[in-house]
Amino acid sequence: MEQHPIPRQITSFEFKLIGFMTLKQFLYLAVSCPVGYIVFYVVSVPMLNVILGILVASIGAVFAFVTIQDRPIGKWIGNFLKRLNSPTQYTFKKKNHSIKVVENLYFTEDPHVALAHVETKEMLNAYMNNKKQNEREKLNISSDTAKSKQKIHVDDLLKQTQNTQPQTIQKVSDDDLNLQSIDPDALKQPFITGIIKNRKNIALPGILVSIQNNAKEQLRLLKTNPHGIFATYSKLPAGDYVFKVSDPNDNYFFDTMNLHIDPDNVQPLMIYSKEIL
């Protein structure tokens, strides 16, 4: 495969407009050659006029055709002169000059407005602090009055008990009070409970659990809640039962299980689906 060179300076590439020369090379020669010819006729010293004429003409040829590292001589001389005029040290100035666009701007707002705003804010804070302090004092006074009333009430009760015959007082604990106040139906525990998960240990909601006897008669139909838990509160007699678990969306599959149920010792069930992933 034939290889073709790619120009390094693509943006500064110049086309050859005049023969094998670019426009800039042609201008160098067009200026240097006539100047060399003029020098040859102006200088009257023999041989010196020839040397000076050839020298002036060759300067244009050097600028036109001689390159160093793919850069013309004119570029090197321009960079050299630019470097001579540029500073060699740079000083960091922390304080920058202001932007000229905003130098002549002025504000028409009255500064007294801002001062008035600050004063009103301080007055508001002082008012709120005084209000909070007054509320605390009122609370302290009300608590003191309540304590005094409670003390008077206790004194009256003591006087009444002294006038009556002594009676046996049975101490009732807080636990007994809580148990007496709880409805017995609220303490009802589930008979069969369990949780259904997939192989990634994620709870599955909306799964149906059918409990059947040996005659294939359905006795209970349960459904898992958003946490994958199912439960029934109605008891079953001791015996062997068939548990059929199914997904209405057919996303998960389960085995049919034969379990023996003992009403005195029913353990929570843990059921997992059959999918591989």
C-alpha atoms as a PDB file:
ATOM      1  CA  MET A   1       0.000   0.000   0.000  1.00  0.00           C
ATOM      2  CA  GLU A   2       1.440   3.346  -1.037  1.00  0.00           C
ATOM      3  CA  GLN A   3       1.901   5.868   1.767  1.00  0.00           C
ATOM      4  CA  HIS A   4       1.345   9.589   1.361  1.00  0.00           C
ATOM      5  CA  PRO A   5       2.833  12.270   3.660  1.00  0.00           C
ATOM      6  CA  ILE A   6       0.374  14.400   5.606  1.00  0.00           C
ATOM      7  CA  PRO A   7       1.211  18.120   6.092  1.00  0.00           C
ATOM      8  CA  ARG A   8       1.949  18.985   9.694  1.00  0.00           C
ATOM      9  CA  GLN A   9       0.596  22.515   9.558  1.00  0.00           C
ATOM     10  CA  ILE A  10      -2.795  21.922   7.927  1.00  0.00           C
ATOM     11  CA  THR A  11      -4.241  25.320   8.889  1.00  0.00           C
ATOM     12  CA  SER A  12      -1.261  27.233   7.490  1.00  0.00           C
ATOM     13  CA  PHE A  13      -0.928  25.151   4.307  1.00  0.00           C
ATOM     14  CA  GLU A  14      -0.313  27.328   1.244  1.00  0.00           C
ATOM     15  CA  PHE A  15      -1.112  26.275  -2.287  1.00  0.00           C
ATOM     16  CA  LYS A  16       1.452  26.594  -5.083  1.00  0.00           C
ATOM     17  CA  LEU A  17      -0.082  29.272  -7.270  1.00  0.00           C
ATOM     18  CA  ILE A  18       2.905  30.239  -9.439  1.00  0.00           C
ATOM     19  CA  GLY A  19       4.706  27.191 -10.822  1.00  0.00           C
ATOM     20  CA  PHE A  20       6.364  25.312  -7.979  1.00  0.00           C
ATOM     21  CA  MET A  21       6.289  28.410  -5.714  1.00  0.00           C
ATOM     22  CA  THR A  22       3.706  29.791  -3.400  1.00  0.00           C
ATOM     23  CA  LEU A  23       2.608  33.400  -3.495  1.00  0.00           C
ATOM     24  CA  LYS A  24       4.853  34.311  -0.541  1.00  0.00           C
ATOM     25  CA  GLN A  25       7.938  32.700  -2.118  1.00  0.00           C
ATOM     26  CA  PHE A  26       7.277  34.514  -5.357  1.00  0.00           C
ATOM     27  CA  LEU A  27       7.016  37.862  -3.527  1.00  0.00           C
ATOM     28  CA  TYR A  28      10.363  37.247  -1.782  1.00  0.00           C
ATOM     29  CA  LEU A  29      12.080  36.632  -5.119  1.00  0.00           C
ATOM     30  CA  ALA A  30      10.173  39.462  -6.827  1.00  0.00           C
ATOM     31  CA  VAL A  31      11.530  41.921  -4.232  1.00  0.00           C
ATOM     32  CA  SER A  32      15.081  40.607  -3.659  1.00  0.00           C
ATOM     33  CA  CYS A  33      16.105  40.074  -7.289  1.00  0.00           C
ATOM     34  CA  PRO A  34      15.316  43.631  -8.522  1.00  0.00           C
ATOM     35  CA  VAL A  35      16.955  45.107  -5.402  1.00  0.00           C
ATOM     36  CA  GLY A  36      20.091  43.022  -6.084  1.00  0.00           C
ATOM     37  CA  TYR A  37      20.122  44.189  -9.691  1.00  0.00           C
ATOM     38  CA  ILE A  38      19.862  47.805  -8.536  1.00  0.00           C
ATOM     39  CA  VAL A  39      22.745  47.307  -6.092  1.00  0.00           C
ATOM     40  CA  PHE A  40      24.857  45.813  -8.901  1.00  0.00           C
ATOM     41  CA  TYR A  41      24.501  49.000 -11.005  1.00  0.00           C
ATOM     42  CA  VAL A  42      24.637  51.486  -8.135  1.00  0.00           C
ATOM     43  CA  VAL A  43      27.935  50.229  -6.680  1.00  0.00           C
ATOM     44  CA  SER A  44      30.758  51.368  -9.001  1.00  0.00           C
ATOM     45  CA  VAL A  45      33.517  49.218  -7.506  1.00  0.00           C
ATOM     46  CA  PRO A  46      34.251  46.236  -9.719  1.00  0.00           C
ATOM     47  CA  MET A  47      33.673  42.768  -8.203  1.00  0.00           C
ATOM     48  CA  LEU A  48      32.148  44.393  -5.094  1.00  0.00           C
ATOM     49  CA  ASN A  49      29.006  45.243  -7.003  1.00  0.00           C
ATOM     50  CA  VAL A  50      28.717  41.619  -8.138  1.00  0.00           C
ATOM     51  CA  ILE A  51      29.125  40.239  -4.600  1.00  0.00           C
ATOM     52  CA  LEU A  52      26.612  42.674  -3.089  1.00  0.00           C
ATOM     53  CA  GLY A  53      24.067  42.086  -5.876  1.00  0.00           C
ATOM     54  CA  ILE A  54      24.282  38.295  -5.506  1.00  0.00           C
ATOM     55  CA  LEU A  55      24.107  38.615  -1.697  1.00  0.00           C
ATOM     56  CA  VAL A  56      20.937  40.732  -1.779  1.00  0.00           C
ATOM     57  CA  ALA A  57      19.259  38.405  -4.281  1.00  0.00           C
ATOM     58  CA  SER A  58      20.257  35.312  -2.264  1.00  0.00           C
ATOM     59  CA  ILE A  59      18.625  36.761   0.869  1.00  0.00           C
ATOM     60  CA  GLY A  60      15.253  36.575  -0.863  1.00  0.00           C
ATOM     61  CA  ALA A  61      15.997  33.030  -2.020  1.00  0.00           C
ATOM     62  CA  VAL A  62      16.873  32.006   1.564  1.00  0.00           C
ATOM     63  CA  PHE A  63      13.612  33.451   2.913  1.00  0.00           C
ATOM     64  CA  ALA A  64      11.698  31.740   0.117  1.00  0.00           C
ATOM     65  CA  PHE A  65      13.149  28.197   0.083  1.00  0.00           C
ATOM     66  CA  VAL A  66      15.293  27.454   3.203  1.00  0.00           C
ATOM     67  CA  THR A  67      13.409  25.824   6.133  1.00  0.00           C
ATOM     68  CA  ILE A  68      14.505  24.620   9.602  1.00  0.00           C
ATOM     69  CA  GLN A  69      12.365  21.871  11.133  1.00  0.00           C
ATOM     70  CA  ASP A  70       9.705  22.455   8.473  1.00  0.00           C
ATOM     71  CA  ARG A  71       9.507  26.166   9.349  1.00  0.00           C
ATOM     72  CA  PRO A  72      10.714  28.967   7.049  1.00  0.00           C
ATOM     73  CA  ILE A  73      13.455  31.380   8.063  1.00  0.00           C
ATOM     74  CA  GLY A  74      10.987  34.270   8.243  1.00  0.00           C
ATOM     75  CA  LYS A  75       8.996  32.441  10.948  1.00  0.00           C
ATOM     76  CA  TRP A  76      12.154  31.821  13.002  1.00  0.00           C
ATOM     77  CA  ILE A  77      13.258  35.454  12.808  1.00  0.00           C
ATOM     78  CA  GLY A  78       9.746  36.678  13.730  1.00  0.00           C
ATOM     79  CA  ASN A  79       9.625  34.428  16.800  1.00  0.00           C
ATOM     80  CA  PHE A  80      13.129  35.522  17.803  1.00  0.00           C
ATOM     81  CA  LEU A  81      12.216  39.229  17.674  1.00  0.00           C
ATOM     82  CA  LYS A  82       8.968  38.547  19.543  1.00  0.00           C
ATOM     83  CA  ARG A  83      10.861  36.729  22.301  1.00  0.00           C
ATOM     84  CA  LEU A  84      13.326  39.624  22.660  1.00  0.00           C
ATOM     85  CA  ASN A  85      10.456  42.041  23.333  1.00  0.00           C
ATOM     86  CA  SER A  86       8.459  39.734  25.661  1.00  0.00           C
ATOM     87  CA  PRO A  87       9.109  39.752  29.459  1.00  0.00           C
ATOM     88  CA  THR A  88      11.211  36.986  30.978  1.00  0.00           C
ATOM     89  CA  GLN A  89       9.570  37.109  34.421  1.00  0.00           C
ATOM     90  CA  TYR A  90       5.908  37.123  35.442  1.00  0.00           C
ATOM     91  CA  THR A  91       4.639  38.674  38.676  1.00  0.00           C
ATOM     92  CA  PHE A  92       1.471  37.451  40.371  1.00  0.00           C
ATOM     93  CA  LYS A  93      -0.882  40.228  41.474  1.00  0.00           C
ATOM     94  CA  LYS A  94      -3.404  39.156  44.074  1.00  0.00           C
ATOM     95  CA  LYS A  95      -5.635  42.208  43.670  1.00  0.00           C
ATOM     96  CA  ASN A  96      -7.101  42.252  40.198  1.00  0.00           C
ATOM     97  CA  HIS A  97      -8.253  45.406  38.494  1.00  0.00           C
ATOM     98  CA  SER A  98     -11.949  46.121  38.438  1.00  0.00           C
ATOM     99  CA  ILE A  99     -13.934  45.357  35.315  1.00  0.00           C
ATOM    100  CA  LYS A 100     -14.226  48.388  33.081  1.00  0.00           C
ATOM    101  CA  VAL A 101     -17.879  47.683  32.364  1.00  0.00           C
ATOM    102  CA  VAL A 102     -18.893  48.158  36.016  1.00  0.00           C
ATOM    103  CA  GLU A 103     -16.490  50.961  36.940  1.00  0.00           C
ATOM    104  CA  ASN A 104     -18.935  53.837  36.274  1.00  0.00           C
ATOM    105  CA  LEU A 105     -22.053  52.167  37.672  1.00  0.00           C
ATOM    106  CA  TYR A 106     -23.882  53.814  40.576  1.00  0.00           C
ATOM    107  CA  PHE A 107     -26.814  52.770  42.749  1.00  0.00           C
ATOM    108  CA  THR A 108     -29.866  54.931  43.333  1.00  0.00           C
ATOM    109  CA  GLU A 109     -31.036  53.092  46.498  1.00  0.00           C
ATOM    110  CA  ASP A 110     -31.068  54.989  49.771  1.00  0.00           C
ATOM    111  CA  PRO A 111     -28.662  53.422  52.343  1.00  0.00           C
ATOM    112  CA  HIS A 112     -31.057  54.434  55.130  1.00  0.00           C
ATOM    113  CA  VAL A 113     -33.490  51.783  53.872  1.00  0.00           C
ATOM    114  CA  ALA A 114     -31.001  49.037  54.705  1.00  0.00           C
ATOM    115  CA  LEU A 115     -30.362  50.550  58.159  1.00  0.00           C
ATOM    116  CA  ALA A 116     -34.091  50.678  58.853  1.00  0.00           C
ATOM    117  CA  HIS A 117     -34.417  47.028  57.842  1.00  0.00           C
ATOM    118  CA  VAL A 118     -31.663  46.055  60.305  1.00  0.00           C
ATOM    119  CA  GLU A 119     -33.325  48.027  63.109  1.00  0.00           C
ATOM    120  CA  THR A 120     -36.741  46.451  62.518  1.00  0.00           C
ATOM    121  CA  LYS A 121     -35.153  42.985  62.520  1.00  0.00           C
ATOM    122  CA  GLU A 122     -33.493  43.661  65.874  1.00  0.00           C
ATOM    123  CA  MET A 123     -36.785  44.969  67.335  1.00  0.00           C
ATOM    124  CA  LEU A 124     -38.608  41.853  66.092  1.00  0.00           C
ATOM    125  CA  ASN A 125     -36.017  39.545  67.698  1.00  0.00           C
ATOM    126  CA  ALA A 126     -36.289  41.433  71.005  1.00  0.00           C
ATOM    127  CA  TYR A 127     -40.114  41.163  70.909  1.00  0.00           C
ATOM    128  CA  MET A 128     -40.001  37.416  70.244  1.00  0.00           C
ATOM    129  CA  ASN A 129     -37.517  36.853  73.087  1.00  0.00           C
ATOM    130  CA  ASN A 130     -39.735  38.798  75.520  1.00  0.00           C
ATOM    131  CA  LYS A 131     -42.784  36.833  74.400  1.00  0.00           C
ATOM    132  CA  LYS A 132     -41.029  33.503  74.964  1.00  0.00           C
ATOM    133  CA  GLN A 133     -39.893  34.608  78.416  1.00  0.00           C
ATOM    134  CA  ASN A 134     -43.466  35.643  79.373  1.00  0.00           C
ATOM    135  CA  GLU A 135     -44.814  32.287  78.215  1.00  0.00           C
ATOM    136  CA  ARG A 136     -42.252  30.459  80.339  1.00  0.00           C
ATOM    137  CA  GLU A 137     -43.207  32.514  83.383  1.00  0.00           C
ATOM    138  CA  LYS A 138     -46.900  31.729  82.824  1.00  0.00           C
ATOM    139  CA  LEU A 139     -46.114  28.027  82.549  1.00  0.00           C
ATOM    140  CA  ASN A 140     -44.121  28.122  85.782  1.00  0.00           C
ATOM    141  CA  ILE A 141     -46.979  29.926  87.581  1.00  0.00           C
ATOM    142  CA  SER A 142     -49.590  27.452  86.297  1.00  0.00           C
ATOM    143  CA  SER A 143     -47.436  24.486  87.348  1.00  0.00           C
ATOM    144  CA  ASP A 144     -47.026  25.975  90.843  1.00  0.00           C
ATOM    145  CA  THR A 145     -50.791  26.479  91.183  1.00  0.00           C
ATOM    146  CA  ALA A 146     -51.461  22.942  90.008  1.00  0.00           C
ATOM    147  CA  LYS A 147     -49.025  21.577  92.559  1.00  0.00           C
ATOM    148  CA  SER A 148     -50.676  23.596  95.338  1.00  0.00           C
ATOM    149  CA  LYS A 149     -54.137  22.369  94.335  1.00  0.00           C
ATOM    150  CA  GLN A 150     -52.878  18.793  94.224  1.00  0.00           C
ATOM    151  CA  LYS A 151     -51.383  19.197  97.670  1.00  0.00           C
ATOM    152  CA  ILE A 152     -54.698  20.543  99.060  1.00  0.00           C
ATOM    153  CA  HIS A 153     -56.568  17.635  97.453  1.00  0.00           C
ATOM    154  CA  VAL A 154     -54.160  15.126  99.011  1.00  0.00           C
ATOM    155  CA  ASP A 155     -54.599  16.754 102.431  1.00  0.00           C
ATOM    156  CA  ASP A 156     -58.386  16.437 102.141  1.00  0.00           C
ATOM    157  CA  LEU A 157     -58.063  12.771 101.224  1.00  0.00           C
ATOM    158  CA  LEU A 158     -55.829  12.149 104.238  1.00  0.00           C
ATOM    159  CA  LYS A 159     -58.382  13.797 106.515  1.00  0.00           C
ATOM    160  CA  GLN A 160     -61.168  11.642 105.087  1.00  0.00           C
ATOM    161  CA  THR A 161     -59.179   8.440 105.499  1.00  0.00           C
ATOM    162  CA  GLN A 162     -58.413   9.276 109.098  1.00  0.00           C
ATOM    163  CA  ASN A 163     -62.157   9.567 109.850  1.00  0.00           C
ATOM    164  CA  THR A 164     -63.028   6.260 108.170  1.00  0.00           C
ATOM    165  CA  GLN A 165     -62.109   2.730 109.261  1.00  0.00           C
ATOM    166  CA  PRO A 166     -58.875   1.273 107.902  1.00  0.00           C
ATOM    167  CA  GLN A 167     -59.278  -0.858 104.831  1.00  0.00           C
ATOM    168  CA  THR A 168     -56.915  -3.234 103.057  1.00  0.00           C
ATOM    169  CA  ILE A 169     -55.548  -1.784  99.871  1.00  0.00           C
ATOM    170  CA  GLN A 170     -54.379  -4.203  97.203  1.00  0.00           C
ATOM    171  CA  LYS A 171     -51.574  -2.924  95.007  1.00  0.00           C
ATOM    172  CA  VAL A 172     -52.209  -3.457  91.310  1.00  0.00           C
ATOM    173  CA  SER A 173     -49.249  -3.355  88.966  1.00  0.00           C
ATOM    174  CA  ASP A 174     -49.181  -1.564  85.638  1.00  0.00           C
ATOM    175  CA  ASP A 175     -48.980  -4.886  83.785  1.00  0.00           C
ATOM    176  CA  ASP A 176     -52.218  -6.079  85.417  1.00  0.00           C
ATOM    177  CA  LEU A 177     -53.941  -2.848  84.462  1.00  0.00           C
ATOM    178  CA  ASN A 178     -52.770  -3.187  80.873  1.00  0.00           C
ATOM    179  CA  LEU A 179     -53.969  -6.794  80.702  1.00  0.00           C
ATOM    180  CA  GLN A 180     -57.366  -5.901  82.105  1.00  0.00           C
ATOM    181  CA  SER A 181     -57.807  -3.104  79.579  1.00  0.00           C
ATOM    182  CA  ILE A 182     -56.902  -5.292  76.567  1.00  0.00           C
ATOM    183  CA  ASP A 183     -59.654  -7.086  74.734  1.00  0.00           C
ATOM    184  CA  PRO A 184     -59.134 -10.887  74.820  1.00  0.00           C
ATOM    185  CA  ASP A 185     -59.863 -11.062  71.070  1.00  0.00           C
ATOM    186  CA  ALA A 186     -56.924  -8.720  70.458  1.00  0.00           C
ATOM    187  CA  LEU A 187     -54.590 -11.369  71.905  1.00  0.00           C
ATOM    188  CA  LYS A 188     -55.704 -13.919  69.340  1.00  0.00           C
ATOM    189  CA  GLN A 189     -52.701 -15.485  67.618  1.00  0.00           C
ATOM    190  CA  PRO A 190     -52.612 -16.819  64.040  1.00  0.00           C
ATOM    191  CA  PHE A 191     -52.917 -20.568  63.644  1.00  0.00           C
ATOM    192  CA  ILE A 192     -50.850 -21.013  60.452  1.00  0.00           C
ATOM    193  CA  THR A 193     -48.460 -18.331  59.241  1.00  0.00           C
ATOM    194  CA  GLY A 194     -45.550 -18.189  56.812  1.00  0.00           C
ATOM    195  CA  ILE A 195     -43.622 -16.135  54.308  1.00  0.00           C
ATOM    196  CA  ILE A 196     -43.006 -16.729  50.600  1.00  0.00           C
ATOM    197  CA  LYS A 197     -39.778 -15.555  48.922  1.00  0.00           C
ATOM    198  CA  ASN A 198     -37.917 -16.132  45.679  1.00  0.00           C
ATOM    199  CA  ARG A 199     -34.373 -17.471  45.327  1.00  0.00           C
ATOM    200  CA  LYS A 200     -32.984 -13.948  45.747  1.00  0.00           C
ATOM    201  CA  ASN A 201     -34.574 -13.799  49.209  1.00  0.00           C
ATOM    202  CA  ILE A 202     -37.141 -11.178  48.090  1.00  0.00           C
ATOM    203  CA  ALA A 203     -40.639 -11.338  49.546  1.00  0.00           C
ATOM    204  CA  LEU A 204     -43.375 -12.067  47.003  1.00  0.00           C
ATOM    205  CA  PRO A 205     -46.771 -10.323  47.441  1.00  0.00           C
ATOM    206  CA  GLY A 206     -50.033 -11.547  45.931  1.00  0.00           C
ATOM    207  CA  ILE A 207     -49.162 -15.279  46.018  1.00  0.00           C
ATOM    208  CA  LEU A 208     -52.087 -17.678  46.622  1.00  0.00           C
ATOM    209  CA  VAL A 209     -51.801 -20.522  49.160  1.00  0.00           C
ATOM    210  CA  SER A 210     -54.461 -23.248  48.968  1.00  0.00           C
ATOM    211  CA  ILE A 211     -54.760 -25.682  51.930  1.00  0.00           C
ATOM    212  CA  GLN A 212     -56.473 -28.969  51.007  1.00  0.00           C
ATOM    213  CA  ASN A 213     -57.184 -32.227  52.811  1.00  0.00           C
ATOM    214  CA  ASN A 214     -56.426 -35.717  51.538  1.00  0.00           C
ATOM    215  CA  ALA A 215     -59.704 -35.738  49.615  1.00  0.00           C
ATOM    216  CA  LYS A 216     -58.502 -32.740  47.555  1.00  0.00           C
ATOM    217  CA  GLU A 217     -61.099 -30.501  49.205  1.00  0.00           C
ATOM    218  CA  GLN A 218     -60.009 -26.887  49.671  1.00  0.00           C
ATOM    219  CA  LEU A 219     -60.242 -25.847  53.292  1.00  0.00           C
ATOM    220  CA  ARG A 220     -58.417 -22.503  53.254  1.00  0.00           C
ATOM    221  CA  LEU A 221     -57.355 -20.041  50.534  1.00  0.00           C
ATOM    222  CA  LEU A 222     -54.769 -17.490  51.682  1.00  0.00           C
ATOM    223  CA  LYS A 223     -52.977 -14.643  49.951  1.00  0.00           C
ATOM    224  CA  THR A 224     -49.656 -13.010  50.839  1.00  0.00           C
ATOM    225  CA  ASN A 225     -49.562  -9.336  51.845  1.00  0.00           C
ATOM    226  CA  PRO A 226     -47.065  -6.759  50.444  1.00  0.00           C
ATOM    227  CA  HIS A 227     -44.417  -8.279  52.733  1.00  0.00           C
ATOM    228  CA  GLY A 228     -44.945 -11.817  51.426  1.00  0.00           C
ATOM    229  CA  ILE A 229     -46.632 -13.034  54.641  1.00  0.00           C
ATOM    230  CA  PHE A 230     -49.783 -15.191  54.783  1.00  0.00           C
ATOM    231  CA  ALA A 231     -51.742 -16.239  57.894  1.00  0.00           C
ATOM    232  CA  THR A 232     -55.005 -17.874  59.007  1.00  0.00           C
ATOM    233  CA  TYR A 233     -56.659 -17.578  62.427  1.00  0.00           C
ATOM    234  CA  SER A 234     -59.100 -20.479  62.087  1.00  0.00           C
ATOM    235  CA  LYS A 235     -57.728 -23.746  63.494  1.00  0.00           C
ATOM    236  CA  LEU A 236     -57.551 -27.060  61.698  1.00  0.00           C
ATOM    237  CA  PRO A 237     -57.662 -30.499  63.260  1.00  0.00           C
ATOM    238  CA  ALA A 238     -54.474 -32.489  63.476  1.00  0.00           C
ATOM    239  CA  GLY A 239     -53.634 -34.407  60.308  1.00  0.00           C
ATOM    240  CA  ASP A 240     -51.926 -34.324  56.924  1.00  0.00           C
ATOM    241  CA  TYR A 241     -52.712 -31.463  54.525  1.00  0.00           C
ATOM    242  CA  VAL A 242     -51.708 -30.475  50.995  1.00  0.00           C
ATOM    243  CA  PHE A 243     -50.315 -26.957  50.398  1.00  0.00           C
ATOM    244  CA  LYS A 244     -50.571 -25.718  46.799  1.00  0.00           C
ATOM    245  CA  VAL A 245     -48.815 -22.381  46.144  1.00  0.00           C
ATOM    246  CA  SER A 246     -49.471 -20.550  42.875  1.00  0.00           C
ATOM    247  CA  ASP A 247     -48.692 -17.176  41.317  1.00  0.00           C
ATOM    248  CA  PRO A 248     -51.662 -15.566  39.477  1.00  0.00           C
ATOM    249  CA  ASN A 249     -49.189 -13.813  37.123  1.00  0.00           C
ATOM    250  CA  ASP A 250     -47.292 -17.064  36.353  1.00  0.00           C
ATOM    251  CA  ASN A 251     -43.974 -15.418  37.151  1.00  0.00           C
ATOM    252  CA  TYR A 252     -43.014 -17.902  39.884  1.00  0.00           C
ATOM    253  CA  PHE A 253     -43.562 -21.636  40.308  1.00  0.00           C
ATOM    254  CA  PHE A 254     -43.785 -23.734  43.473  1.00  0.00           C
ATOM    255  CA  ASP A 255     -43.854 -27.391  44.453  1.00  0.00           C
ATOM    256  CA  THR A 256     -46.939 -29.001  46.005  1.00  0.00           C
ATOM    257  CA  MET A 257     -46.158 -29.848  49.640  1.00  0.00           C
ATOM    258  CA  ASN A 258     -47.646 -32.438  52.031  1.00  0.00           C
ATOM    259  CA  LEU A 259     -47.412 -31.235  55.626  1.00  0.00           C
ATOM    260  CA  HIS A 260     -48.555 -32.645  58.931  1.00  0.00           C
ATOM    261  CA  ILE A 261     -50.229 -30.077  61.168  1.00  0.00           C
ATOM    262  CA  ASP A 262     -50.257 -30.390  64.926  1.00  0.00           C
ATOM    263  CA  PRO A 263     -52.515 -27.740  66.537  1.00  0.00           C
ATOM    264  CA  ASP A 264     -50.363 -27.679  69.673  1.00  0.00           C
ATOM    265  CA  ASN A 265     -47.100 -26.992  67.831  1.00  0.00           C
ATOM    266  CA  VAL A 266     -47.478 -25.095  64.538  1.00  0.00           C
ATOM    267  CA  GLN A 267     -44.215 -23.570  63.293  1.00  0.00           C
ATOM    268  CA  PRO A 268     -44.045 -20.659  60.795  1.00  0.00           C
ATOM    269  CA  LEU A 269     -43.513 -21.816  57.211  1.00  0.00           C
ATOM    270  CA  MET A 270     -40.798 -20.605  54.861  1.00  0.00           C
ATOM    271  CA  ILE A 271     -41.549 -21.244  51.169  1.00  0.00           C
ATOM    272  CA  TYR A 272     -39.196 -20.454  48.238  1.00  0.00           C
ATOM    273  CA  SER A 273     -39.963 -20.436  44.527  1.00  0.00           C
ATOM    274  CA  LYS A 274     -38.420 -22.819  41.992  1.00  0.00           C
ATOM    275  CA  GLU A 275     -36.857 -20.400  39.496  1.00  0.00           C
ATOM    276  CA  ILE A 276     -33.133 -20.879  38.820  1.00  0.00           C
ATOM    277  CA  LEU A 277     -32.096 -17.214  38.505  1.00  0.00           C
END
